[in-house]
Amino acid sequence: MIESQTGDLVSLIDGLTRQGLPPDTDALTKVAKALSKVFGVDPDEVAILALNAKDKTLKFVIPEKLSTVGTIPLSSTAALAARTARDRRPDLVNNFSSSRHATVFEGVPLGRDPAELIQKIMSAPILDGTQVRGVVQISRKGRSTSSAGLDFTQKDLRALTVLSPTLERFLKLCTP
């Protein structure tokens, strides 16, 4: 099942690449939905961040609403996305709400009950060879760890990591 849904994501990004234009809101929504289906999460539980190597910051591409909120410095010790980019290593945390992390972006309303926070998360670098181009994160939100659903597994994390080349092509379209 994951293979067919991954295929849908690859086909979508192939189509966007053929267009050669930066993705509009509709395209960003479609990418979030396709990626969410691969992991059985809601589209608002998908995040893709692009690295600005010059400024050494990460900026949200998806969810689009977070792109205007600000950036995450790579030097941040409280942001999982920054650590993922710095270490070039995927990670999963099934007790994220109880770990120290930056919460500024979680405070931005995305149409979900504000009491439903990220409880579980996977984070993987988006690489172009050995160069980090961004980070992809898949989360499970809920009022508690148990209400957020199943724990992420190492198999899930491997599946997310395999998507790096596809997501790197997507990020090329998003950044000038």
C-alpha atoms as a PDB file:
ATOM      1  CA  MET A   1       0.000   0.000   0.000  1.00  0.00           C
ATOM      2  CA  ILE A   2       2.790   2.429   0.893  1.00  0.00           C
ATOM      3  CA  GLU A   3       4.386   1.783  -2.508  1.00  0.00           C
ATOM      4  CA  SER A   4       1.271   2.837  -4.453  1.00  0.00           C
ATOM      5  CA  GLN A   5       0.810   5.964  -2.333  1.00  0.00           C
ATOM      6  CA  THR A   6       4.493   6.782  -2.704  1.00  0.00           C
ATOM      7  CA  GLY A   7       3.976   6.331  -6.443  1.00  0.00           C
ATOM      8  CA  ASP A   8       1.154   8.878  -6.324  1.00  0.00           C
ATOM      9  CA  LEU A   9       3.465  11.382  -4.635  1.00  0.00           C
ATOM     10  CA  VAL A  10       6.245  10.734  -7.163  1.00  0.00           C
ATOM     11  CA  SER A  11       3.798  11.150 -10.076  1.00  0.00           C
ATOM     12  CA  LEU A  12       2.505  14.411  -8.631  1.00  0.00           C
ATOM     13  CA  ILE A  13       6.019  15.824  -8.221  1.00  0.00           C
ATOM     14  CA  ASP A  14       6.989  14.574 -11.693  1.00  0.00           C
ATOM     15  CA  GLY A  15       4.049  16.561 -13.083  1.00  0.00           C
ATOM     16  CA  LEU A  16       5.037  19.678 -11.150  1.00  0.00           C
ATOM     17  CA  THR A  17       8.621  19.293 -12.371  1.00  0.00           C
ATOM     18  CA  ARG A  18       7.447  19.101 -15.995  1.00  0.00           C
ATOM     19  CA  GLN A  19       5.548  22.364 -15.482  1.00  0.00           C
ATOM     20  CA  GLY A  20       8.770  23.906 -14.177  1.00  0.00           C
ATOM     21  CA  LEU A  21       6.913  26.569 -12.189  1.00  0.00           C
ATOM     22  CA  PRO A  22       6.970  27.222  -8.459  1.00  0.00           C
ATOM     23  CA  PRO A  23       4.052  25.344  -6.888  1.00  0.00           C
ATOM     24  CA  ASP A  24       0.953  27.420  -6.141  1.00  0.00           C
ATOM     25  CA  THR A  25      -1.279  26.953  -3.092  1.00  0.00           C
ATOM     26  CA  ASP A  26      -3.267  24.196  -4.819  1.00  0.00           C
ATOM     27  CA  ALA A  27      -0.104  22.256  -5.698  1.00  0.00           C
ATOM     28  CA  LEU A  28       1.283  22.621  -2.158  1.00  0.00           C
ATOM     29  CA  THR A  29      -2.010  21.291  -0.791  1.00  0.00           C
ATOM     30  CA  LYS A  30      -1.873  18.316  -3.178  1.00  0.00           C
ATOM     31  CA  VAL A  31       1.708  17.486  -2.124  1.00  0.00           C
ATOM     32  CA  ALA A  32       0.738  17.651   1.565  1.00  0.00           C
ATOM     33  CA  LYS A  33      -2.263  15.379   0.929  1.00  0.00           C
ATOM     34  CA  ALA A  34      -0.225  12.876  -1.095  1.00  0.00           C
ATOM     35  CA  LEU A  35       2.501  12.727   1.546  1.00  0.00           C
ATOM     36  CA  SER A  36      -0.060  12.449   4.357  1.00  0.00           C
ATOM     37  CA  LYS A  37      -1.656   9.421   2.657  1.00  0.00           C
ATOM     38  CA  VAL A  38       1.671   7.593   2.580  1.00  0.00           C
ATOM     39  CA  PHE A  39       1.876   7.697   6.378  1.00  0.00           C
ATOM     40  CA  GLY A  40      -1.802   7.683   7.320  1.00  0.00           C
ATOM     41  CA  VAL A  41      -1.801  11.170   8.842  1.00  0.00           C
ATOM     42  CA  ASP A  42      -3.759  14.347   8.172  1.00  0.00           C
ATOM     43  CA  PRO A  43      -2.366  16.929   5.721  1.00  0.00           C
ATOM     44  CA  ASP A  44      -1.773  19.385   8.593  1.00  0.00           C
ATOM     45  CA  GLU A  45       0.579  16.799  10.110  1.00  0.00           C
ATOM     46  CA  VAL A  46       2.996  17.151   7.171  1.00  0.00           C
ATOM     47  CA  ALA A  47       5.775  19.725   7.098  1.00  0.00           C
ATOM     48  CA  ILE A  48       8.453  20.424   4.487  1.00  0.00           C
ATOM     49  CA  LEU A  49      11.089  23.026   5.245  1.00  0.00           C
ATOM     50  CA  ALA A  50      13.625  24.461   2.794  1.00  0.00           C
ATOM     51  CA  LEU A  51      17.155  25.308   3.846  1.00  0.00           C
ATOM     52  CA  ASN A  52      18.470  28.774   3.099  1.00  0.00           C
ATOM     53  CA  ALA A  53      22.183  27.954   3.135  1.00  0.00           C
ATOM     54  CA  LYS A  54      23.193  31.620   3.001  1.00  0.00           C
ATOM     55  CA  ASP A  55      21.204  32.572   6.111  1.00  0.00           C
ATOM     56  CA  LYS A  56      21.586  29.125   7.702  1.00  0.00           C
ATOM     57  CA  THR A  57      17.860  28.924   8.391  1.00  0.00           C
ATOM     58  CA  LEU A  58      14.958  26.616   7.627  1.00  0.00           C
ATOM     59  CA  LYS A  59      11.695  28.005   6.291  1.00  0.00           C
ATOM     60  CA  PHE A  60       8.379  26.185   6.015  1.00  0.00           C
ATOM     61  CA  VAL A  61       7.163  25.447   2.497  1.00  0.00           C
ATOM     62  CA  ILE A  62       4.364  23.193   3.798  1.00  0.00           C
ATOM     63  CA  PRO A  63       2.189  24.098   5.644  1.00  0.00           C
ATOM     64  CA  GLU A  64       2.137  27.229   3.520  1.00  0.00           C
ATOM     65  CA  LYS A  65       0.568  29.223   6.366  1.00  0.00           C
ATOM     66  CA  LEU A  66       3.756  28.763   8.434  1.00  0.00           C
ATOM     67  CA  SER A  67       5.995  30.198   5.693  1.00  0.00           C
ATOM     68  CA  THR A  68       5.151  33.741   6.831  1.00  0.00           C
ATOM     69  CA  VAL A  69       5.636  33.092  10.556  1.00  0.00           C
ATOM     70  CA  GLY A  70       9.431  33.048  10.508  1.00  0.00           C
ATOM     71  CA  THR A  71      12.433  30.817  10.120  1.00  0.00           C
ATOM     72  CA  ILE A  72      14.309  28.319  12.259  1.00  0.00           C
ATOM     73  CA  PRO A  73      18.029  28.996  12.686  1.00  0.00           C
ATOM     74  CA  LEU A  74      20.188  25.916  12.141  1.00  0.00           C
ATOM     75  CA  SER A  75      21.889  26.821  15.404  1.00  0.00           C
ATOM     76  CA  SER A  76      18.659  26.227  17.364  1.00  0.00           C
ATOM     77  CA  THR A  77      19.133  23.622  20.063  1.00  0.00           C
ATOM     78  CA  ALA A  78      15.374  23.361  20.684  1.00  0.00           C
ATOM     79  CA  ALA A  79      14.202  22.633  17.115  1.00  0.00           C
ATOM     80  CA  LEU A  80      14.157  19.039  15.873  1.00  0.00           C
ATOM     81  CA  ALA A  81      14.187  20.281  12.264  1.00  0.00           C
ATOM     82  CA  ALA A  82      17.431  22.198  12.873  1.00  0.00           C
ATOM     83  CA  ARG A  83      19.047  19.161  14.498  1.00  0.00           C
ATOM     84  CA  THR A  84      17.909  16.954  11.604  1.00  0.00           C
ATOM     85  CA  ALA A  85      19.508  19.338   9.088  1.00  0.00           C
ATOM     86  CA  ARG A  86      22.718  19.812  11.092  1.00  0.00           C
ATOM     87  CA  ASP A  87      23.240  16.105  11.744  1.00  0.00           C
ATOM     88  CA  ARG A  88      21.938  14.984   8.311  1.00  0.00           C
ATOM     89  CA  ARG A  89      20.239  12.164  10.167  1.00  0.00           C
ATOM     90  CA  PRO A  90      16.605  11.054  10.408  1.00  0.00           C
ATOM     91  CA  ASP A  91      14.975  10.756  13.807  1.00  0.00           C
ATOM     92  CA  LEU A  92      11.683   9.767  15.348  1.00  0.00           C
ATOM     93  CA  VAL A  93      10.250  10.804  18.698  1.00  0.00           C
ATOM     94  CA  ASN A  94       7.095   9.106  19.932  1.00  0.00           C
ATOM     95  CA  ASN A  95       6.924  11.252  23.083  1.00  0.00           C
ATOM     96  CA  PHE A  96       7.535  14.616  21.408  1.00  0.00           C
ATOM     97  CA  SER A  97       5.130  16.583  23.587  1.00  0.00           C
ATOM     98  CA  SER A  98       7.168  15.748  26.682  1.00  0.00           C
ATOM     99  CA  SER A  99      10.542  16.536  25.075  1.00  0.00           C
ATOM    100  CA  ARG A 100      12.102  19.986  24.959  1.00  0.00           C
ATOM    101  CA  HIS A 101      11.227  21.622  21.637  1.00  0.00           C
ATOM    102  CA  ALA A 102      10.374  24.950  20.063  1.00  0.00           C
ATOM    103  CA  THR A 103       6.621  25.582  20.205  1.00  0.00           C
ATOM    104  CA  VAL A 104       6.220  28.873  18.337  1.00  0.00           C
ATOM    105  CA  PHE A 105       4.990  27.200  15.150  1.00  0.00           C
ATOM    106  CA  GLU A 106       2.589  24.913  17.031  1.00  0.00           C
ATOM    107  CA  GLY A 107       0.785  28.033  18.251  1.00  0.00           C
ATOM    108  CA  VAL A 108      -0.262  29.015  14.715  1.00  0.00           C
ATOM    109  CA  PRO A 109      -3.854  27.887  14.057  1.00  0.00           C
ATOM    110  CA  LEU A 110      -4.141  25.454  11.161  1.00  0.00           C
ATOM    111  CA  GLY A 111      -7.827  24.651  11.584  1.00  0.00           C
ATOM    112  CA  ARG A 112      -7.400  22.061  14.315  1.00  0.00           C
ATOM    113  CA  ASP A 113      -8.340  22.248  17.998  1.00  0.00           C
ATOM    114  CA  PRO A 114      -5.485  24.213  19.660  1.00  0.00           C
ATOM    115  CA  ALA A 115      -5.351  21.568  22.407  1.00  0.00           C
ATOM    116  CA  GLU A 116      -4.230  19.002  19.824  1.00  0.00           C
ATOM    117  CA  LEU A 117      -0.458  19.297  19.762  1.00  0.00           C
ATOM    118  CA  ILE A 118       2.288  17.293  18.096  1.00  0.00           C
ATOM    119  CA  GLN A 119       2.650  14.149  20.169  1.00  0.00           C
ATOM    120  CA  LYS A 120       4.744  11.998  17.796  1.00  0.00           C
ATOM    121  CA  ILE A 121       7.041  13.043  14.985  1.00  0.00           C
ATOM    122  CA  MET A 122       9.457  11.748  12.353  1.00  0.00           C
ATOM    123  CA  SER A 123      12.032  14.059  10.858  1.00  0.00           C
ATOM    124  CA  ALA A 124      14.347  13.361   7.917  1.00  0.00           C
ATOM    125  CA  PRO A 125      16.809  15.458   5.939  1.00  0.00           C
ATOM    126  CA  ILE A 126      16.092  16.180   2.289  1.00  0.00           C
ATOM    127  CA  LEU A 127      19.426  15.659   0.576  1.00  0.00           C
ATOM    128  CA  ASP A 128      20.960  16.479  -2.785  1.00  0.00           C
ATOM    129  CA  GLY A 129      23.873  14.060  -2.657  1.00  0.00           C
ATOM    130  CA  THR A 130      25.474  14.981   0.654  1.00  0.00           C
ATOM    131  CA  GLN A 131      24.083  18.525   0.738  1.00  0.00           C
ATOM    132  CA  VAL A 132      21.063  19.207   2.928  1.00  0.00           C
ATOM    133  CA  ARG A 133      18.343  21.049   0.988  1.00  0.00           C
ATOM    134  CA  GLY A 134      15.633  20.831   3.624  1.00  0.00           C
ATOM    135  CA  VAL A 135      13.782  18.712   6.134  1.00  0.00           C
ATOM    136  CA  VAL A 136      10.542  16.719   5.963  1.00  0.00           C
ATOM    137  CA  GLN A 137       8.541  16.017   9.089  1.00  0.00           C
ATOM    138  CA  ILE A 138       5.506  13.803   9.619  1.00  0.00           C
ATOM    139  CA  SER A 139       3.676  14.131  12.911  1.00  0.00           C
ATOM    140  CA  ARG A 140       0.694  12.777  14.764  1.00  0.00           C
ATOM    141  CA  LYS A 141      -1.284  15.344  16.705  1.00  0.00           C
ATOM    142  CA  GLY A 142      -3.679  14.831  19.569  1.00  0.00           C
ATOM    143  CA  ARG A 143      -4.604  15.864  23.082  1.00  0.00           C
ATOM    144  CA  SER A 144      -2.372  13.097  24.446  1.00  0.00           C
ATOM    145  CA  THR A 145       0.197  10.605  23.220  1.00  0.00           C
ATOM    146  CA  SER A 146      -2.386   7.821  23.229  1.00  0.00           C
ATOM    147  CA  SER A 147      -5.034   9.857  21.389  1.00  0.00           C
ATOM    148  CA  ALA A 148      -2.534  10.731  18.644  1.00  0.00           C
ATOM    149  CA  GLY A 149      -2.550   7.198  17.283  1.00  0.00           C
ATOM    150  CA  LEU A 150       0.087   4.593  16.604  1.00  0.00           C
ATOM    151  CA  ASP A 151       3.753   5.148  17.316  1.00  0.00           C
ATOM    152  CA  PHE A 152       6.004   5.718  14.336  1.00  0.00           C
ATOM    153  CA  THR A 153       8.342   2.799  13.607  1.00  0.00           C
ATOM    154  CA  GLN A 154      11.797   2.443  12.137  1.00  0.00           C
ATOM    155  CA  LYS A 155      10.077   1.099   8.998  1.00  0.00           C
ATOM    156  CA  ASP A 156       8.096   4.364   8.762  1.00  0.00           C
ATOM    157  CA  LEU A 157      11.296   6.357   9.187  1.00  0.00           C
ATOM    158  CA  ARG A 158      13.033   4.363   6.426  1.00  0.00           C
ATOM    159  CA  ALA A 159      10.043   4.989   4.124  1.00  0.00           C
ATOM    160  CA  LEU A 160      10.294   8.717   4.838  1.00  0.00           C
ATOM    161  CA  THR A 161      14.032   8.716   4.174  1.00  0.00           C
ATOM    162  CA  VAL A 162      13.552   6.946   0.816  1.00  0.00           C
ATOM    163  CA  LEU A 163      11.452   9.920  -0.328  1.00  0.00           C
ATOM    164  CA  SER A 164      14.417  12.321  -0.041  1.00  0.00           C
ATOM    165  CA  PRO A 165      15.286  12.408  -3.793  1.00  0.00           C
ATOM    166  CA  THR A 166      11.654  13.054  -4.735  1.00  0.00           C
ATOM    167  CA  LEU A 167      11.270  15.782  -2.109  1.00  0.00           C
ATOM    168  CA  GLU A 168      14.570  17.333  -3.173  1.00  0.00           C
ATOM    169  CA  ARG A 169      13.168  17.736  -6.700  1.00  0.00           C
ATOM    170  CA  PHE A 170      10.075  19.333  -5.167  1.00  0.00           C
ATOM    171  CA  LEU A 171      12.178  21.782  -3.130  1.00  0.00           C
ATOM    172  CA  LYS A 172      14.056  22.827  -6.274  1.00  0.00           C
ATOM    173  CA  LEU A 173      10.736  24.038  -7.660  1.00  0.00           C
ATOM    174  CA  CYS A 174       9.928  25.952  -4.457  1.00  0.00           C
ATOM    175  CA  THR A 175      13.171  27.879  -4.122  1.00  0.00           C
ATOM    176  CA  PRO A 176      14.506  30.261  -6.755  1.00  0.00           C
END
